Amino acid sequence: VMNAFHILDFYKWCVDSKFILPTDF
């Protein structure tokens, strides 16, 4: 319930910052 929206921004940051590859999520 808490991060149902935030998870989208989190994924974007992970990919855009090259923290992970797009499929490593």
PDBML (XML) file of the C-alpha atoms, coordinates in Angstrom:
<?xml version="1.0" encoding="UTF-8" ?>
<PDBx:datablock datablockName="MODEL"
   xmlns:PDBx="http://pdbml.pdb.org/schema/pdbx-v50.xsd"
   xmlns:xsi="http://www.w3.org/2001/XMLSchema-instance"
   xsi:schemaLocation="http://pdbml.pdb.org/schema/pdbx-v50.xsd pdbx-v50.xsd">
   <PDBx:atom_siteCategory>
      <PDBx:atom_site id="1">
         <PDBx:B_iso_or_equiv>0.00</PDBx:B_iso_or_equiv>
         <PDBx:Cartn_x>0.000</PDBx:Cartn_x>
         <PDBx:Cartn_y>0.000</PDBx:Cartn_y>
         <PDBx:Cartn_z>0.000</PDBx:Cartn_z>
         <PDBx:auth_asym_id>A</PDBx:auth_asym_id>
         <PDBx:auth_atom_id>CA</PDBx:auth_atom_id>
         <PDBx:auth_comp_id>VAL</PDBx:auth_comp_id>
         <PDBx:auth_seq_id>1</PDBx:auth_seq_id>
         <PDBx:group_PDB>ATOM</PDBx:group_PDB>
         <PDBx:label_alt_id xsi:nil="true" />
         <PDBx:label_asym_id>A</PDBx:label_asym_id>
         <PDBx:label_atom_id>CA</PDBx:label_atom_id>
         <PDBx:label_comp_id>VAL</PDBx:label_comp_id>
         <PDBx:label_entity_id>1</PDBx:label_entity_id>
         <PDBx:label_seq_id>1</PDBx:label_seq_id>
         <PDBx:occupancy>1.00</PDBx:occupancy>
         <PDBx:pdbx_PDB_model_num>1</PDBx:pdbx_PDB_model_num>
         <PDBx:type_symbol>C</PDBx:type_symbol>
      </PDBx:atom_site>
      <PDBx:atom_site id="2">
         <PDBx:B_iso_or_equiv>0.00</PDBx:B_iso_or_equiv>
         <PDBx:Cartn_x>2.773</PDBx:Cartn_x>
         <PDBx:Cartn_y>2.400</PDBx:Cartn_y>
         <PDBx:Cartn_z>0.926</PDBx:Cartn_z>
         <PDBx:auth_asym_id>A</PDBx:auth_asym_id>
         <PDBx:auth_atom_id>CA</PDBx:auth_atom_id>
         <PDBx:auth_comp_id>MET</PDBx:auth_comp_id>
         <PDBx:auth_seq_id>2</PDBx:auth_seq_id>
         <PDBx:group_PDB>ATOM</PDBx:group_PDB>
         <PDBx:label_alt_id xsi:nil="true" />
         <PDBx:label_asym_id>A</PDBx:label_asym_id>
         <PDBx:label_atom_id>CA</PDBx:label_atom_id>
         <PDBx:label_comp_id>MET</PDBx:label_comp_id>
         <PDBx:label_entity_id>1</PDBx:label_entity_id>
         <PDBx:label_seq_id>2</PDBx:label_seq_id>
         <PDBx:occupancy>1.00</PDBx:occupancy>
         <PDBx:pdbx_PDB_model_num>1</PDBx:pdbx_PDB_model_num>
         <PDBx:type_symbol>C</PDBx:type_symbol>
      </PDBx:atom_site>
      <PDBx:atom_site id="3">
         <PDBx:B_iso_or_equiv>0.00</PDBx:B_iso_or_equiv>
         <PDBx:Cartn_x>4.938</PDBx:Cartn_x>
         <PDBx:Cartn_y>2.340</PDBx:Cartn_y>
         <PDBx:Cartn_z>-2.208</PDBx:Cartn_z>
         <PDBx:auth_asym_id>A</PDBx:auth_asym_id>
         <PDBx:auth_atom_id>CA</PDBx:auth_atom_id>
         <PDBx:auth_comp_id>ASN</PDBx:auth_comp_id>
         <PDBx:auth_seq_id>3</PDBx:auth_seq_id>
         <PDBx:group_PDB>ATOM</PDBx:group_PDB>
         <PDBx:label_alt_id xsi:nil="true" />
         <PDBx:label_asym_id>A</PDBx:label_asym_id>
         <PDBx:label_atom_id>CA</PDBx:label_atom_id>
         <PDBx:label_comp_id>ASN</PDBx:label_comp_id>
         <PDBx:label_entity_id>1</PDBx:label_entity_id>
         <PDBx:label_seq_id>3</PDBx:label_seq_id>
         <PDBx:occupancy>1.00</PDBx:occupancy>
         <PDBx:pdbx_PDB_model_num>1</PDBx:pdbx_PDB_model_num>
         <PDBx:type_symbol>C</PDBx:type_symbol>
      </PDBx:atom_site>
      <PDBx:atom_site id="4">
         <PDBx:B_iso_or_equiv>0.00</PDBx:B_iso_or_equiv>
         <PDBx:Cartn_x>2.419</PDBx:Cartn_x>
         <PDBx:Cartn_y>1.418</PDBx:Cartn_y>
         <PDBx:Cartn_z>-4.928</PDBx:Cartn_z>
         <PDBx:auth_asym_id>A</PDBx:auth_asym_id>
         <PDBx:auth_atom_id>CA</PDBx:auth_atom_id>
         <PDBx:auth_comp_id>ALA</PDBx:auth_comp_id>
         <PDBx:auth_seq_id>4</PDBx:auth_seq_id>
         <PDBx:group_PDB>ATOM</PDBx:group_PDB>
         <PDBx:label_alt_id xsi:nil="true" />
         <PDBx:label_asym_id>A</PDBx:label_asym_id>
         <PDBx:label_atom_id>CA</PDBx:label_atom_id>
         <PDBx:label_comp_id>ALA</PDBx:label_comp_id>
         <PDBx:label_entity_id>1</PDBx:label_entity_id>
         <PDBx:label_seq_id>4</PDBx:label_seq_id>
         <PDBx:occupancy>1.00</PDBx:occupancy>
         <PDBx:pdbx_PDB_model_num>1</PDBx:pdbx_PDB_model_num>
         <PDBx:type_symbol>C</PDBx:type_symbol>
      </PDBx:atom_site>
      <PDBx:atom_site id="5">
         <PDBx:B_iso_or_equiv>0.00</PDBx:B_iso_or_equiv>
         <PDBx:Cartn_x>3.089</PDBx:Cartn_x>
         <PDBx:Cartn_y>4.763</PDBx:Cartn_y>
         <PDBx:Cartn_z>-6.641</PDBx:Cartn_z>
         <PDBx:auth_asym_id>A</PDBx:auth_asym_id>
         <PDBx:auth_atom_id>CA</PDBx:auth_atom_id>
         <PDBx:auth_comp_id>PHE</PDBx:auth_comp_id>
         <PDBx:auth_seq_id>5</PDBx:auth_seq_id>
         <PDBx:group_PDB>ATOM</PDBx:group_PDB>
         <PDBx:label_alt_id xsi:nil="true" />
         <PDBx:label_asym_id>A</PDBx:label_asym_id>
         <PDBx:label_atom_id>CA</PDBx:label_atom_id>
         <PDBx:label_comp_id>PHE</PDBx:label_comp_id>
         <PDBx:label_entity_id>1</PDBx:label_entity_id>
         <PDBx:label_seq_id>5</PDBx:label_seq_id>
         <PDBx:occupancy>1.00</PDBx:occupancy>
         <PDBx:pdbx_PDB_model_num>1</PDBx:pdbx_PDB_model_num>
         <PDBx:type_symbol>C</PDBx:type_symbol>
      </PDBx:atom_site>
      <PDBx:atom_site id="6">
         <PDBx:B_iso_or_equiv>0.00</PDBx:B_iso_or_equiv>
         <PDBx:Cartn_x>6.679</PDBx:Cartn_x>
         <PDBx:Cartn_y>5.360</PDBx:Cartn_y>
         <PDBx:Cartn_z>-5.542</PDBx:Cartn_z>
         <PDBx:auth_asym_id>A</PDBx:auth_asym_id>
         <PDBx:auth_atom_id>CA</PDBx:auth_atom_id>
         <PDBx:auth_comp_id>HIS</PDBx:auth_comp_id>
         <PDBx:auth_seq_id>6</PDBx:auth_seq_id>
         <PDBx:group_PDB>ATOM</PDBx:group_PDB>
         <PDBx:label_alt_id xsi:nil="true" />
         <PDBx:label_asym_id>A</PDBx:label_asym_id>
         <PDBx:label_atom_id>CA</PDBx:label_atom_id>
         <PDBx:label_comp_id>HIS</PDBx:label_comp_id>
         <PDBx:label_entity_id>1</PDBx:label_entity_id>
         <PDBx:label_seq_id>6</PDBx:label_seq_id>
         <PDBx:occupancy>1.00</PDBx:occupancy>
         <PDBx:pdbx_PDB_model_num>1</PDBx:pdbx_PDB_model_num>
         <PDBx:type_symbol>C</PDBx:type_symbol>
      </PDBx:atom_site>
      <PDBx:atom_site id="7">
         <PDBx:B_iso_or_equiv>0.00</PDBx:B_iso_or_equiv>
         <PDBx:Cartn_x>7.865</PDBx:Cartn_x>
         <PDBx:Cartn_y>2.088</PDBx:Cartn_y>
         <PDBx:Cartn_z>-7.067</PDBx:Cartn_z>
         <PDBx:auth_asym_id>A</PDBx:auth_asym_id>
         <PDBx:auth_atom_id>CA</PDBx:auth_atom_id>
         <PDBx:auth_comp_id>ILE</PDBx:auth_comp_id>
         <PDBx:auth_seq_id>7</PDBx:auth_seq_id>
         <PDBx:group_PDB>ATOM</PDBx:group_PDB>
         <PDBx:label_alt_id xsi:nil="true" />
         <PDBx:label_asym_id>A</PDBx:label_asym_id>
         <PDBx:label_atom_id>CA</PDBx:label_atom_id>
         <PDBx:label_comp_id>ILE</PDBx:label_comp_id>
         <PDBx:label_entity_id>1</PDBx:label_entity_id>
         <PDBx:label_seq_id>7</PDBx:label_seq_id>
         <PDBx:occupancy>1.00</PDBx:occupancy>
         <PDBx:pdbx_PDB_model_num>1</PDBx:pdbx_PDB_model_num>
         <PDBx:type_symbol>C</PDBx:type_symbol>
      </PDBx:atom_site>
      <PDBx:atom_site id="8">
         <PDBx:B_iso_or_equiv>0.00</PDBx:B_iso_or_equiv>
         <PDBx:Cartn_x>7.603</PDBx:Cartn_x>
         <PDBx:Cartn_y>3.696</PDBx:Cartn_y>
         <PDBx:Cartn_z>-10.531</PDBx:Cartn_z>
         <PDBx:auth_asym_id>A</PDBx:auth_asym_id>
         <PDBx:auth_atom_id>CA</PDBx:auth_atom_id>
         <PDBx:auth_comp_id>LEU</PDBx:auth_comp_id>
         <PDBx:auth_seq_id>8</PDBx:auth_seq_id>
         <PDBx:group_PDB>ATOM</PDBx:group_PDB>
         <PDBx:label_alt_id xsi:nil="true" />
         <PDBx:label_asym_id>A</PDBx:label_asym_id>
         <PDBx:label_atom_id>CA</PDBx:label_atom_id>
         <PDBx:label_comp_id>LEU</PDBx:label_comp_id>
         <PDBx:label_entity_id>1</PDBx:label_entity_id>
         <PDBx:label_seq_id>8</PDBx:label_seq_id>
         <PDBx:occupancy>1.00</PDBx:occupancy>
         <PDBx:pdbx_PDB_model_num>1</PDBx:pdbx_PDB_model_num>
         <PDBx:type_symbol>C</PDBx:type_symbol>
      </PDBx:atom_site>
      <PDBx:atom_site id="9">
         <PDBx:B_iso_or_equiv>0.00</PDBx:B_iso_or_equiv>
         <PDBx:Cartn_x>9.952</PDBx:Cartn_x>
         <PDBx:Cartn_y>6.545</PDBx:Cartn_y>
         <PDBx:Cartn_z>-9.601</PDBx:Cartn_z>
         <PDBx:auth_asym_id>A</PDBx:auth_asym_id>
         <PDBx:auth_atom_id>CA</PDBx:auth_atom_id>
         <PDBx:auth_comp_id>ASP</PDBx:auth_comp_id>
         <PDBx:auth_seq_id>9</PDBx:auth_seq_id>
         <PDBx:group_PDB>ATOM</PDBx:group_PDB>
         <PDBx:label_alt_id xsi:nil="true" />
         <PDBx:label_asym_id>A</PDBx:label_asym_id>
         <PDBx:label_atom_id>CA</PDBx:label_atom_id>
         <PDBx:label_comp_id>ASP</PDBx:label_comp_id>
         <PDBx:label_entity_id>1</PDBx:label_entity_id>
         <PDBx:label_seq_id>9</PDBx:label_seq_id>
         <PDBx:occupancy>1.00</PDBx:occupancy>
         <PDBx:pdbx_PDB_model_num>1</PDBx:pdbx_PDB_model_num>
         <PDBx:type_symbol>C</PDBx:type_symbol>
      </PDBx:atom_site>
      <PDBx:atom_site id="10">
         <PDBx:B_iso_or_equiv>0.00</PDBx:B_iso_or_equiv>
         <PDBx:Cartn_x>12.275</PDBx:Cartn_x>
         <PDBx:Cartn_y>4.081</PDBx:Cartn_y>
         <PDBx:Cartn_z>-7.915</PDBx:Cartn_z>
         <PDBx:auth_asym_id>A</PDBx:auth_asym_id>
         <PDBx:auth_atom_id>CA</PDBx:auth_atom_id>
         <PDBx:auth_comp_id>PHE</PDBx:auth_comp_id>
         <PDBx:auth_seq_id>10</PDBx:auth_seq_id>
         <PDBx:group_PDB>ATOM</PDBx:group_PDB>
         <PDBx:label_alt_id xsi:nil="true" />
         <PDBx:label_asym_id>A</PDBx:label_asym_id>
         <PDBx:label_atom_id>CA</PDBx:label_atom_id>
         <PDBx:label_comp_id>PHE</PDBx:label_comp_id>
         <PDBx:label_entity_id>1</PDBx:label_entity_id>
         <PDBx:label_seq_id>10</PDBx:label_seq_id>
         <PDBx:occupancy>1.00</PDBx:occupancy>
         <PDBx:pdbx_PDB_model_num>1</PDBx:pdbx_PDB_model_num>
         <PDBx:type_symbol>C</PDBx:type_symbol>
      </PDBx:atom_site>
      <PDBx:atom_site id="11">
         <PDBx:B_iso_or_equiv>0.00</PDBx:B_iso_or_equiv>
         <PDBx:Cartn_x>12.522</PDBx:Cartn_x>
         <PDBx:Cartn_y>1.961</PDBx:Cartn_y>
         <PDBx:Cartn_z>-11.047</PDBx:Cartn_z>
         <PDBx:auth_asym_id>A</PDBx:auth_asym_id>
         <PDBx:auth_atom_id>CA</PDBx:auth_atom_id>
         <PDBx:auth_comp_id>TYR</PDBx:auth_comp_id>
         <PDBx:auth_seq_id>11</PDBx:auth_seq_id>
         <PDBx:group_PDB>ATOM</PDBx:group_PDB>
         <PDBx:label_alt_id xsi:nil="true" />
         <PDBx:label_asym_id>A</PDBx:label_asym_id>
         <PDBx:label_atom_id>CA</PDBx:label_atom_id>
         <PDBx:label_comp_id>TYR</PDBx:label_comp_id>
         <PDBx:label_entity_id>1</PDBx:label_entity_id>
         <PDBx:label_seq_id>11</PDBx:label_seq_id>
         <PDBx:occupancy>1.00</PDBx:occupancy>
         <PDBx:pdbx_PDB_model_num>1</PDBx:pdbx_PDB_model_num>
         <PDBx:type_symbol>C</PDBx:type_symbol>
      </PDBx:atom_site>
      <PDBx:atom_site id="12">
         <PDBx:B_iso_or_equiv>0.00</PDBx:B_iso_or_equiv>
         <PDBx:Cartn_x>13.209</PDBx:Cartn_x>
         <PDBx:Cartn_y>5.016</PDBx:Cartn_y>
         <PDBx:Cartn_z>-13.204</PDBx:Cartn_z>
         <PDBx:auth_asym_id>A</PDBx:auth_asym_id>
         <PDBx:auth_atom_id>CA</PDBx:auth_atom_id>
         <PDBx:auth_comp_id>LYS</PDBx:auth_comp_id>
         <PDBx:auth_seq_id>12</PDBx:auth_seq_id>
         <PDBx:group_PDB>ATOM</PDBx:group_PDB>
         <PDBx:label_alt_id xsi:nil="true" />
         <PDBx:label_asym_id>A</PDBx:label_asym_id>
         <PDBx:label_atom_id>CA</PDBx:label_atom_id>
         <PDBx:label_comp_id>LYS</PDBx:label_comp_id>
         <PDBx:label_entity_id>1</PDBx:label_entity_id>
         <PDBx:label_seq_id>12</PDBx:label_seq_id>
         <PDBx:occupancy>1.00</PDBx:occupancy>
         <PDBx:pdbx_PDB_model_num>1</PDBx:pdbx_PDB_model_num>
         <PDBx:type_symbol>C</PDBx:type_symbol>
      </PDBx:atom_site>
      <PDBx:atom_site id="13">
         <PDBx:B_iso_or_equiv>0.00</PDBx:B_iso_or_equiv>
         <PDBx:Cartn_x>16.009</PDBx:Cartn_x>
         <PDBx:Cartn_y>6.130</PDBx:Cartn_y>
         <PDBx:Cartn_z>-10.893</PDBx:Cartn_z>
         <PDBx:auth_asym_id>A</PDBx:auth_asym_id>
         <PDBx:auth_atom_id>CA</PDBx:auth_atom_id>
         <PDBx:auth_comp_id>TRP</PDBx:auth_comp_id>
         <PDBx:auth_seq_id>13</PDBx:auth_seq_id>
         <PDBx:group_PDB>ATOM</PDBx:group_PDB>
         <PDBx:label_alt_id xsi:nil="true" />
         <PDBx:label_asym_id>A</PDBx:label_asym_id>
         <PDBx:label_atom_id>CA</PDBx:label_atom_id>
         <PDBx:label_comp_id>TRP</PDBx:label_comp_id>
         <PDBx:label_entity_id>1</PDBx:label_entity_id>
         <PDBx:label_seq_id>13</PDBx:label_seq_id>
         <PDBx:occupancy>1.00</PDBx:occupancy>
         <PDBx:pdbx_PDB_model_num>1</PDBx:pdbx_PDB_model_num>
         <PDBx:type_symbol>C</PDBx:type_symbol>
      </PDBx:atom_site>
      <PDBx:atom_site id="14">
         <PDBx:B_iso_or_equiv>0.00</PDBx:B_iso_or_equiv>
         <PDBx:Cartn_x>17.585</PDBx:Cartn_x>
         <PDBx:Cartn_y>2.654</PDBx:Cartn_y>
         <PDBx:Cartn_z>-10.843</PDBx:Cartn_z>
         <PDBx:auth_asym_id>A</PDBx:auth_asym_id>
         <PDBx:auth_atom_id>CA</PDBx:auth_atom_id>
         <PDBx:auth_comp_id>CYS</PDBx:auth_comp_id>
         <PDBx:auth_seq_id>14</PDBx:auth_seq_id>
         <PDBx:group_PDB>ATOM</PDBx:group_PDB>
         <PDBx:label_alt_id xsi:nil="true" />
         <PDBx:label_asym_id>A</PDBx:label_asym_id>
         <PDBx:label_atom_id>CA</PDBx:label_atom_id>
         <PDBx:label_comp_id>CYS</PDBx:label_comp_id>
         <PDBx:label_entity_id>1</PDBx:label_entity_id>
         <PDBx:label_seq_id>14</PDBx:label_seq_id>
         <PDBx:occupancy>1.00</PDBx:occupancy>
         <PDBx:pdbx_PDB_model_num>1</PDBx:pdbx_PDB_model_num>
         <PDBx:type_symbol>C</PDBx:type_symbol>
      </PDBx:atom_site>
      <PDBx:atom_site id="15">
         <PDBx:B_iso_or_equiv>0.00</PDBx:B_iso_or_equiv>
         <PDBx:Cartn_x>17.719</PDBx:Cartn_x>
         <PDBx:Cartn_y>2.538</PDBx:Cartn_y>
         <PDBx:Cartn_z>-14.640</PDBx:Cartn_z>
         <PDBx:auth_asym_id>A</PDBx:auth_asym_id>
         <PDBx:auth_atom_id>CA</PDBx:auth_atom_id>
         <PDBx:auth_comp_id>VAL</PDBx:auth_comp_id>
         <PDBx:auth_seq_id>15</PDBx:auth_seq_id>
         <PDBx:group_PDB>ATOM</PDBx:group_PDB>
         <PDBx:label_alt_id xsi:nil="true" />
         <PDBx:label_asym_id>A</PDBx:label_asym_id>
         <PDBx:label_atom_id>CA</PDBx:label_atom_id>
         <PDBx:label_comp_id>VAL</PDBx:label_comp_id>
         <PDBx:label_entity_id>1</PDBx:label_entity_id>
         <PDBx:label_seq_id>15</PDBx:label_seq_id>
         <PDBx:occupancy>1.00</PDBx:occupancy>
         <PDBx:pdbx_PDB_model_num>1</PDBx:pdbx_PDB_model_num>
         <PDBx:type_symbol>C</PDBx:type_symbol>
      </PDBx:atom_site>
      <PDBx:atom_site id="16">
         <PDBx:B_iso_or_equiv>0.00</PDBx:B_iso_or_equiv>
         <PDBx:Cartn_x>18.554</PDBx:Cartn_x>
         <PDBx:Cartn_y>6.183</PDBx:Cartn_y>
         <PDBx:Cartn_z>-15.364</PDBx:Cartn_z>
         <PDBx:auth_asym_id>A</PDBx:auth_asym_id>
         <PDBx:auth_atom_id>CA</PDBx:auth_atom_id>
         <PDBx:auth_comp_id>ASP</PDBx:auth_comp_id>
         <PDBx:auth_seq_id>16</PDBx:auth_seq_id>
         <PDBx:group_PDB>ATOM</PDBx:group_PDB>
         <PDBx:label_alt_id xsi:nil="true" />
         <PDBx:label_asym_id>A</PDBx:label_asym_id>
         <PDBx:label_atom_id>CA</PDBx:label_atom_id>
         <PDBx:label_comp_id>ASP</PDBx:label_comp_id>
         <PDBx:label_entity_id>1</PDBx:label_entity_id>
         <PDBx:label_seq_id>16</PDBx:label_seq_id>
         <PDBx:occupancy>1.00</PDBx:occupancy>
         <PDBx:pdbx_PDB_model_num>1</PDBx:pdbx_PDB_model_num>
         <PDBx:type_symbol>C</PDBx:type_symbol>
      </PDBx:atom_site>
      <PDBx:atom_site id="17">
         <PDBx:B_iso_or_equiv>0.00</PDBx:B_iso_or_equiv>
         <PDBx:Cartn_x>21.408</PDBx:Cartn_x>
         <PDBx:Cartn_y>6.221</PDBx:Cartn_y>
         <PDBx:Cartn_z>-12.839</PDBx:Cartn_z>
         <PDBx:auth_asym_id>A</PDBx:auth_asym_id>
         <PDBx:auth_atom_id>CA</PDBx:auth_atom_id>
         <PDBx:auth_comp_id>SER</PDBx:auth_comp_id>
         <PDBx:auth_seq_id>17</PDBx:auth_seq_id>
         <PDBx:group_PDB>ATOM</PDBx:group_PDB>
         <PDBx:label_alt_id xsi:nil="true" />
         <PDBx:label_asym_id>A</PDBx:label_asym_id>
         <PDBx:label_atom_id>CA</PDBx:label_atom_id>
         <PDBx:label_comp_id>SER</PDBx:label_comp_id>
         <PDBx:label_entity_id>1</PDBx:label_entity_id>
         <PDBx:label_seq_id>17</PDBx:label_seq_id>
         <PDBx:occupancy>1.00</PDBx:occupancy>
         <PDBx:pdbx_PDB_model_num>1</PDBx:pdbx_PDB_model_num>
         <PDBx:type_symbol>C</PDBx:type_symbol>
      </PDBx:atom_site>
      <PDBx:atom_site id="18">
         <PDBx:B_iso_or_equiv>0.00</PDBx:B_iso_or_equiv>
         <PDBx:Cartn_x>22.716</PDBx:Cartn_x>
         <PDBx:Cartn_y>2.870</PDBx:Cartn_y>
         <PDBx:Cartn_z>-14.167</PDBx:Cartn_z>
         <PDBx:auth_asym_id>A</PDBx:auth_asym_id>
         <PDBx:auth_atom_id>CA</PDBx:auth_atom_id>
         <PDBx:auth_comp_id>LYS</PDBx:auth_comp_id>
         <PDBx:auth_seq_id>18</PDBx:auth_seq_id>
         <PDBx:group_PDB>ATOM</PDBx:group_PDB>
         <PDBx:label_alt_id xsi:nil="true" />
         <PDBx:label_asym_id>A</PDBx:label_asym_id>
         <PDBx:label_atom_id>CA</PDBx:label_atom_id>
         <PDBx:label_comp_id>LYS</PDBx:label_comp_id>
         <PDBx:label_entity_id>1</PDBx:label_entity_id>
         <PDBx:label_seq_id>18</PDBx:label_seq_id>
         <PDBx:occupancy>1.00</PDBx:occupancy>
         <PDBx:pdbx_PDB_model_num>1</PDBx:pdbx_PDB_model_num>
         <PDBx:type_symbol>C</PDBx:type_symbol>
      </PDBx:atom_site>
      <PDBx:atom_site id="19">
         <PDBx:B_iso_or_equiv>0.00</PDBx:B_iso_or_equiv>
         <PDBx:Cartn_x>22.334</PDBx:Cartn_x>
         <PDBx:Cartn_y>1.360</PDBx:Cartn_y>
         <PDBx:Cartn_z>-10.706</PDBx:Cartn_z>
         <PDBx:auth_asym_id>A</PDBx:auth_asym_id>
         <PDBx:auth_atom_id>CA</PDBx:auth_atom_id>
         <PDBx:auth_comp_id>PHE</PDBx:auth_comp_id>
         <PDBx:auth_seq_id>19</PDBx:auth_seq_id>
         <PDBx:group_PDB>ATOM</PDBx:group_PDB>
         <PDBx:label_alt_id xsi:nil="true" />
         <PDBx:label_asym_id>A</PDBx:label_asym_id>
         <PDBx:label_atom_id>CA</PDBx:label_atom_id>
         <PDBx:label_comp_id>PHE</PDBx:label_comp_id>
         <PDBx:label_entity_id>1</PDBx:label_entity_id>
         <PDBx:label_seq_id>19</PDBx:label_seq_id>
         <PDBx:occupancy>1.00</PDBx:occupancy>
         <PDBx:pdbx_PDB_model_num>1</PDBx:pdbx_PDB_model_num>
         <PDBx:type_symbol>C</PDBx:type_symbol>
      </PDBx:atom_site>
      <PDBx:atom_site id="20">
         <PDBx:B_iso_or_equiv>0.00</PDBx:B_iso_or_equiv>
         <PDBx:Cartn_x>20.992</PDBx:Cartn_x>
         <PDBx:Cartn_y>-1.726</PDBx:Cartn_y>
         <PDBx:Cartn_z>-12.516</PDBx:Cartn_z>
         <PDBx:auth_asym_id>A</PDBx:auth_asym_id>
         <PDBx:auth_atom_id>CA</PDBx:auth_atom_id>
         <PDBx:auth_comp_id>ILE</PDBx:auth_comp_id>
         <PDBx:auth_seq_id>20</PDBx:auth_seq_id>
         <PDBx:group_PDB>ATOM</PDBx:group_PDB>
         <PDBx:label_alt_id xsi:nil="true" />
         <PDBx:label_asym_id>A</PDBx:label_asym_id>
         <PDBx:label_atom_id>CA</PDBx:label_atom_id>
         <PDBx:label_comp_id>ILE</PDBx:label_comp_id>
         <PDBx:label_entity_id>1</PDBx:label_entity_id>
         <PDBx:label_seq_id>20</PDBx:label_seq_id>
         <PDBx:occupancy>1.00</PDBx:occupancy>
         <PDBx:pdbx_PDB_model_num>1</PDBx:pdbx_PDB_model_num>
         <PDBx:type_symbol>C</PDBx:type_symbol>
      </PDBx:atom_site>
      <PDBx:atom_site id="21">
         <PDBx:B_iso_or_equiv>0.00</PDBx:B_iso_or_equiv>
         <PDBx:Cartn_x>20.223</PDBx:Cartn_x>
         <PDBx:Cartn_y>-2.846</PDBx:Cartn_y>
         <PDBx:Cartn_z>-16.047</PDBx:Cartn_z>
         <PDBx:auth_asym_id>A</PDBx:auth_asym_id>
         <PDBx:auth_atom_id>CA</PDBx:auth_atom_id>
         <PDBx:auth_comp_id>LEU</PDBx:auth_comp_id>
         <PDBx:auth_seq_id>21</PDBx:auth_seq_id>
         <PDBx:group_PDB>ATOM</PDBx:group_PDB>
         <PDBx:label_alt_id xsi:nil="true" />
         <PDBx:label_asym_id>A</PDBx:label_asym_id>
         <PDBx:label_atom_id>CA</PDBx:label_atom_id>
         <PDBx:label_comp_id>LEU</PDBx:label_comp_id>
         <PDBx:label_entity_id>1</PDBx:label_entity_id>
         <PDBx:label_seq_id>21</PDBx:label_seq_id>
         <PDBx:occupancy>1.00</PDBx:occupancy>
         <PDBx:pdbx_PDB_model_num>1</PDBx:pdbx_PDB_model_num>
         <PDBx:type_symbol>C</PDBx:type_symbol>
      </PDBx:atom_site>
      <PDBx:atom_site id="22">
         <PDBx:B_iso_or_equiv>0.00</PDBx:B_iso_or_equiv>
         <PDBx:Cartn_x>16.556</PDBx:Cartn_x>
         <PDBx:Cartn_y>-2.411</PDBx:Cartn_y>
         <PDBx:Cartn_z>-17.032</PDBx:Cartn_z>
         <PDBx:auth_asym_id>A</PDBx:auth_asym_id>
         <PDBx:auth_atom_id>CA</PDBx:auth_atom_id>
         <PDBx:auth_comp_id>PRO</PDBx:auth_comp_id>
         <PDBx:auth_seq_id>22</PDBx:auth_seq_id>
         <PDBx:group_PDB>ATOM</PDBx:group_PDB>
         <PDBx:label_alt_id xsi:nil="true" />
         <PDBx:label_asym_id>A</PDBx:label_asym_id>
         <PDBx:label_atom_id>CA</PDBx:label_atom_id>
         <PDBx:label_comp_id>PRO</PDBx:label_comp_id>
         <PDBx:label_entity_id>1</PDBx:label_entity_id>
         <PDBx:label_seq_id>22</PDBx:label_seq_id>
         <PDBx:occupancy>1.00</PDBx:occupancy>
         <PDBx:pdbx_PDB_model_num>1</PDBx:pdbx_PDB_model_num>
         <PDBx:type_symbol>C</PDBx:type_symbol>
      </PDBx:atom_site>
      <PDBx:atom_site id="23">
         <PDBx:B_iso_or_equiv>0.00</PDBx:B_iso_or_equiv>
         <PDBx:Cartn_x>15.776</PDBx:Cartn_x>
         <PDBx:Cartn_y>-6.129</PDBx:Cartn_y>
         <PDBx:Cartn_z>-16.613</PDBx:Cartn_z>
         <PDBx:auth_asym_id>A</PDBx:auth_asym_id>
         <PDBx:auth_atom_id>CA</PDBx:auth_atom_id>
         <PDBx:auth_comp_id>THR</PDBx:auth_comp_id>
         <PDBx:auth_seq_id>23</PDBx:auth_seq_id>
         <PDBx:group_PDB>ATOM</PDBx:group_PDB>
         <PDBx:label_alt_id xsi:nil="true" />
         <PDBx:label_asym_id>A</PDBx:label_asym_id>
         <PDBx:label_atom_id>CA</PDBx:label_atom_id>
         <PDBx:label_comp_id>THR</PDBx:label_comp_id>
         <PDBx:label_entity_id>1</PDBx:label_entity_id>
         <PDBx:label_seq_id>23</PDBx:label_seq_id>
         <PDBx:occupancy>1.00</PDBx:occupancy>
         <PDBx:pdbx_PDB_model_num>1</PDBx:pdbx_PDB_model_num>
         <PDBx:type_symbol>C</PDBx:type_symbol>
      </PDBx:atom_site>
      <PDBx:atom_site id="24">
         <PDBx:B_iso_or_equiv>0.00</PDBx:B_iso_or_equiv>
         <PDBx:Cartn_x>17.547</PDBx:Cartn_x>
         <PDBx:Cartn_y>-6.496</PDBx:Cartn_y>
         <PDBx:Cartn_z>-13.250</PDBx:Cartn_z>
         <PDBx:auth_asym_id>A</PDBx:auth_asym_id>
         <PDBx:auth_atom_id>CA</PDBx:auth_atom_id>
         <PDBx:auth_comp_id>ASP</PDBx:auth_comp_id>
         <PDBx:auth_seq_id>24</PDBx:auth_seq_id>
         <PDBx:group_PDB>ATOM</PDBx:group_PDB>
         <PDBx:label_alt_id xsi:nil="true" />
         <PDBx:label_asym_id>A</PDBx:label_asym_id>
         <PDBx:label_atom_id>CA</PDBx:label_atom_id>
         <PDBx:label_comp_id>ASP</PDBx:label_comp_id>
         <PDBx:label_entity_id>1</PDBx:label_entity_id>
         <PDBx:label_seq_id>24</PDBx:label_seq_id>
         <PDBx:occupancy>1.00</PDBx:occupancy>
         <PDBx:pdbx_PDB_model_num>1</PDBx:pdbx_PDB_model_num>
         <PDBx:type_symbol>C</PDBx:type_symbol>
      </PDBx:atom_site>
      <PDBx:atom_site id="25">
         <PDBx:B_iso_or_equiv>0.00</PDBx:B_iso_or_equiv>
         <PDBx:Cartn_x>14.421</PDBx:Cartn_x>
         <PDBx:Cartn_y>-5.551</PDBx:Cartn_y>
         <PDBx:Cartn_z>-11.343</PDBx:Cartn_z>
         <PDBx:auth_asym_id>A</PDBx:auth_asym_id>
         <PDBx:auth_atom_id>CA</PDBx:auth_atom_id>
         <PDBx:auth_comp_id>PHE</PDBx:auth_comp_id>
         <PDBx:auth_seq_id>25</PDBx:auth_seq_id>
         <PDBx:group_PDB>ATOM</PDBx:group_PDB>
         <PDBx:label_alt_id xsi:nil="true" />
         <PDBx:label_asym_id>A</PDBx:label_asym_id>
         <PDBx:label_atom_id>CA</PDBx:label_atom_id>
         <PDBx:label_comp_id>PHE</PDBx:label_comp_id>
         <PDBx:label_entity_id>1</PDBx:label_entity_id>
         <PDBx:label_seq_id>25</PDBx:label_seq_id>
         <PDBx:occupancy>1.00</PDBx:occupancy>
         <PDBx:pdbx_PDB_model_num>1</PDBx:pdbx_PDB_model_num>
         <PDBx:type_symbol>C</PDBx:type_symbol>
      </PDBx:atom_site>
   </PDBx:atom_siteCategory>
</PDBx:datablock>
